Amino acid sequence: MSAPTVAAVTGIVHPALVALVGFALLIVGGFVFAWQDEVPRRTPGSPPILLRCPNCGAAPRGLPESGAVTCDYCGTRFLV
């Protein structure tokens, strides 16, 4: 359908119709992105995740609050 036909059928002028459709797409897109960005949570019954250095495979000693770890073995810095 063309814009004049839609305006005649719905009674809404074209710029308002475009704005309403754009707003609806914005809202739907927000829900889709929010749904996709869910972080999987570890349940109490699941095993812990083992962290290893991506360069040498050594286990890190401590995990600082920032999430950046430096491997004691090879010195590689990585995010967890």
N, C-alpha and C. Protein backbone atom coordinates (compact mmCIF):
# COMPACT_ATOMS: atom_id res chain seq x y z
N MET A 1 0.83 -1.18 0.00
CA MET A 1 0.00 0.00 0.00
C MET A 1 0.87 1.24 0.00
N SER A 2 0.38 2.24 -0.64
CA SER A 2 1.12 3.50 -0.67
C SER A 2 0.72 4.35 0.54
N ALA A 3 1.49 5.35 0.81
CA ALA A 3 1.26 6.20 1.97
C ALA A 3 -0.11 6.88 1.94
N PRO A 4 -0.57 7.43 0.80
CA PRO A 4 -1.90 8.05 0.80
C PRO A 4 -3.01 7.04 1.08
N THR A 5 -2.84 5.80 0.60
CA THR A 5 -3.87 4.78 0.85
C THR A 5 -3.91 4.43 2.34
N VAL A 6 -2.75 4.27 2.94
CA VAL A 6 -2.69 3.96 4.37
C VAL A 6 -3.29 5.10 5.17
N ALA A 7 -2.98 6.33 4.80
CA ALA A 7 -3.53 7.49 5.50
C ALA A 7 -5.05 7.55 5.35
N ALA A 8 -5.55 7.20 4.19
CA ALA A 8 -6.99 7.23 3.96
C ALA A 8 -7.69 6.13 4.76
N VAL A 9 -7.08 4.96 4.85
CA VAL A 9 -7.70 3.84 5.55
C VAL A 9 -7.63 4.04 7.07
N THR A 10 -6.49 4.44 7.56
CA THR A 10 -6.31 4.54 9.02
C THR A 10 -6.71 5.90 9.57
N GLY A 11 -6.72 6.91 8.76
CA GLY A 11 -7.02 8.25 9.23
C GLY A 11 -5.81 8.93 9.85
N ILE A 12 -4.65 8.30 9.75
CA ILE A 12 -3.42 8.87 10.31
C ILE A 12 -2.59 9.42 9.16
N VAL A 13 -2.09 10.62 9.31
CA VAL A 13 -1.28 11.21 8.25
C VAL A 13 0.07 10.51 8.18
N HIS A 14 0.70 10.57 7.04
CA HIS A 14 1.91 9.82 6.78
C HIS A 14 3.05 10.08 7.77
N PRO A 15 3.42 11.30 8.10
CA PRO A 15 4.53 11.49 9.05
C PRO A 15 4.25 10.88 10.43
N ALA A 16 3.01 10.99 10.89
CA ALA A 16 2.67 10.39 12.18
C ALA A 16 2.72 8.87 12.10
N LEU A 17 2.30 8.31 10.98
CA LEU A 17 2.33 6.86 10.80
C LEU A 17 3.77 6.36 10.79
N VAL A 18 4.64 7.07 10.10
CA VAL A 18 6.05 6.68 10.06
C VAL A 18 6.65 6.77 11.46
N ALA A 19 6.31 7.81 12.20
CA ALA A 19 6.83 7.96 13.56
C ALA A 19 6.33 6.84 14.45
N LEU A 20 5.08 6.46 14.34
CA LEU A 20 4.53 5.37 15.15
C LEU A 20 5.17 4.03 14.81
N VAL A 21 5.36 3.75 13.54
CA VAL A 21 6.01 2.50 13.13
C VAL A 21 7.46 2.49 13.61
N GLY A 22 8.15 3.61 13.48
CA GLY A 22 9.53 3.68 13.95
C GLY A 22 9.63 3.48 15.46
N PHE A 23 8.71 4.06 16.19
CA PHE A 23 8.70 3.90 17.65
C PHE A 23 8.42 2.44 18.02
N ALA A 24 7.49 1.81 17.32
CA ALA A 24 7.19 0.39 17.59
C ALA A 24 8.41 -0.48 17.31
N LEU A 25 9.11 -0.21 16.22
CA LEU A 25 10.31 -0.98 15.91
C LEU A 25 11.40 -0.76 16.94
N LEU A 26 11.51 0.45 17.45
CA LEU A 26 12.48 0.77 18.49
C LEU A 26 12.20 -0.03 19.77
N ILE A 27 10.94 -0.09 20.16
CA ILE A 27 10.56 -0.82 21.36
C ILE A 27 10.81 -2.31 21.18
N VAL A 28 10.38 -2.86 20.04
CA VAL A 28 10.59 -4.29 19.78
C VAL A 28 12.08 -4.60 19.73
N GLY A 29 12.87 -3.77 19.09
CA GLY A 29 14.32 -3.98 19.04
C GLY A 29 14.95 -3.95 20.42
N GLY A 30 14.47 -3.07 21.28
CA GLY A 30 14.97 -3.01 22.65
C GLY A 30 14.71 -4.30 23.41
N PHE A 31 13.51 -4.85 23.23
CA PHE A 31 13.19 -6.12 23.88
C PHE A 31 14.05 -7.26 23.33
N VAL A 32 14.29 -7.26 22.04
CA VAL A 32 15.11 -8.32 21.43
C VAL A 32 16.53 -8.24 21.95
N PHE A 33 17.12 -7.06 22.00
CA PHE A 33 18.48 -6.93 22.50
C PHE A 33 18.58 -7.25 23.98
N ALA A 34 17.59 -6.85 24.75
CA ALA A 34 17.59 -7.16 26.18
C ALA A 34 17.50 -8.67 26.39
N TRP A 35 16.73 -9.33 25.57
CA TRP A 35 16.57 -10.78 25.69
C TRP A 35 17.85 -11.50 25.29
N GLN A 36 18.56 -11.00 24.28
CA GLN A 36 19.78 -11.65 23.82
C GLN A 36 20.95 -11.43 24.77
N ASP A 37 20.96 -10.33 25.51
CA ASP A 37 22.11 -9.99 26.35
C ASP A 37 22.03 -10.60 27.75
N GLU A 38 21.10 -11.53 27.98
CA GLU A 38 21.02 -12.15 29.29
C GLU A 38 22.30 -12.93 29.57
N VAL A 39 22.88 -12.67 30.72
CA VAL A 39 24.10 -13.35 31.12
C VAL A 39 23.72 -14.66 31.79
N PRO A 40 24.27 -15.77 31.32
CA PRO A 40 23.93 -17.03 31.99
C PRO A 40 24.46 -17.03 33.42
N ARG A 41 23.61 -17.34 34.33
CA ARG A 41 23.98 -17.37 35.75
C ARG A 41 24.32 -18.80 36.15
N ARG A 42 25.29 -18.92 37.04
CA ARG A 42 25.67 -20.23 37.53
C ARG A 42 24.69 -20.63 38.62
N THR A 43 24.08 -21.78 38.45
CA THR A 43 23.15 -22.28 39.45
C THR A 43 23.93 -22.96 40.56
N PRO A 44 23.38 -23.05 41.75
CA PRO A 44 24.12 -23.64 42.87
C PRO A 44 24.57 -25.08 42.62
N GLY A 45 23.86 -25.84 41.80
CA GLY A 45 24.23 -27.23 41.55
C GLY A 45 25.24 -27.42 40.43
N SER A 46 25.56 -26.37 39.68
CA SER A 46 26.47 -26.53 38.55
C SER A 46 27.93 -26.46 39.01
N PRO A 47 28.82 -27.11 38.29
CA PRO A 47 30.23 -27.10 38.70
C PRO A 47 30.85 -25.72 38.47
N PRO A 48 31.88 -25.36 39.23
CA PRO A 48 32.54 -24.07 39.04
C PRO A 48 33.28 -24.03 37.70
N ILE A 49 33.47 -22.82 37.20
CA ILE A 49 34.18 -22.64 35.94
C ILE A 49 35.68 -22.58 36.21
N LEU A 50 36.47 -23.36 35.51
CA LEU A 50 37.92 -23.36 35.68
C LEU A 50 38.53 -22.31 34.76
N LEU A 51 39.29 -21.41 35.33
CA LEU A 51 39.94 -20.36 34.54
C LEU A 51 41.37 -20.76 34.25
N ARG A 52 41.78 -20.54 33.02
CA ARG A 52 43.15 -20.83 32.59
C ARG A 52 43.66 -19.66 31.76
N CYS A 53 44.97 -19.46 31.77
CA CYS A 53 45.61 -18.44 30.95
C CYS A 53 45.44 -18.84 29.49
N PRO A 54 45.00 -17.92 28.63
CA PRO A 54 44.82 -18.27 27.21
C PRO A 54 46.15 -18.51 26.49
N ASN A 55 47.26 -18.07 27.06
CA ASN A 55 48.56 -18.22 26.42
C ASN A 55 49.24 -19.53 26.80
N CYS A 56 49.31 -19.81 28.13
CA CYS A 56 50.08 -20.98 28.56
C CYS A 56 49.24 -22.04 29.27
N GLY A 57 48.01 -21.71 29.67
CA GLY A 57 47.14 -22.67 30.33
C GLY A 57 47.29 -22.74 31.83
N ALA A 58 48.12 -21.91 32.44
CA ALA A 58 48.29 -21.92 33.89
C ALA A 58 47.06 -21.32 34.57
N ALA A 59 46.80 -21.76 35.78
CA ALA A 59 45.65 -21.25 36.55
C ALA A 59 46.04 -19.95 37.24
N PRO A 60 45.17 -18.93 37.22
CA PRO A 60 45.48 -17.69 37.92
C PRO A 60 45.36 -17.88 39.43
N ARG A 61 46.12 -17.10 40.19
CA ARG A 61 46.11 -17.25 41.66
C ARG A 61 44.92 -16.55 42.28
N GLY A 62 44.79 -15.27 42.10
CA GLY A 62 43.70 -14.51 42.69
C GLY A 62 42.97 -13.73 41.63
N LEU A 63 41.72 -13.41 41.89
CA LEU A 63 40.94 -12.64 40.94
C LEU A 63 40.64 -11.27 41.55
N PRO A 64 41.26 -10.22 41.01
CA PRO A 64 40.99 -8.88 41.54
C PRO A 64 39.59 -8.41 41.15
N GLU A 65 39.13 -7.37 41.80
CA GLU A 65 37.80 -6.82 41.55
C GLU A 65 37.63 -6.33 40.11
N SER A 66 38.71 -5.87 39.49
CA SER A 66 38.61 -5.30 38.15
C SER A 66 38.36 -6.34 37.08
N GLY A 67 38.70 -7.59 37.34
CA GLY A 67 38.51 -8.65 36.36
C GLY A 67 39.71 -8.87 35.46
N ALA A 68 40.74 -8.04 35.58
CA ALA A 68 41.96 -8.22 34.79
C ALA A 68 42.95 -9.04 35.61
N VAL A 69 43.48 -10.09 35.00
CA VAL A 69 44.40 -11.00 35.69
C VAL A 69 45.70 -11.06 34.91
N THR A 70 46.81 -11.09 35.63
CA THR A 70 48.11 -11.29 35.02
C THR A 70 48.60 -12.68 35.41
N CYS A 71 48.96 -13.48 34.41
CA CYS A 71 49.43 -14.84 34.65
C CYS A 71 50.79 -14.78 35.35
N ASP A 72 50.93 -15.53 36.46
CA ASP A 72 52.19 -15.55 37.19
C ASP A 72 53.27 -16.31 36.43
N TYR A 73 52.86 -17.21 35.54
CA TYR A 73 53.83 -18.04 34.84
C TYR A 73 54.44 -17.34 33.62
N CYS A 74 53.55 -16.81 32.73
CA CYS A 74 54.08 -16.23 31.49
C CYS A 74 53.93 -14.71 31.41
N GLY A 75 53.18 -14.11 32.34
CA GLY A 75 53.02 -12.65 32.34
C GLY A 75 51.94 -12.12 31.43
N THR A 76 51.15 -12.99 30.82
CA THR A 76 50.06 -12.55 29.94
C THR A 76 48.95 -11.93 30.79
N ARG A 77 48.43 -10.80 30.33
CA ARG A 77 47.33 -10.12 31.02
C ARG A 77 46.05 -10.40 30.24
N PHE A 78 45.01 -10.85 30.94
CA PHE A 78 43.73 -11.16 30.29
C PHE A 78 42.57 -10.82 31.20
N LEU A 79 41.40 -10.66 30.60
CA LEU A 79 40.17 -10.32 31.32
C LEU A 79 39.39 -11.58 31.62
N VAL A 80 38.77 -11.62 32.78
CA VAL A 80 37.91 -12.75 33.14
C VAL A 80 36.51 -12.26 33.38
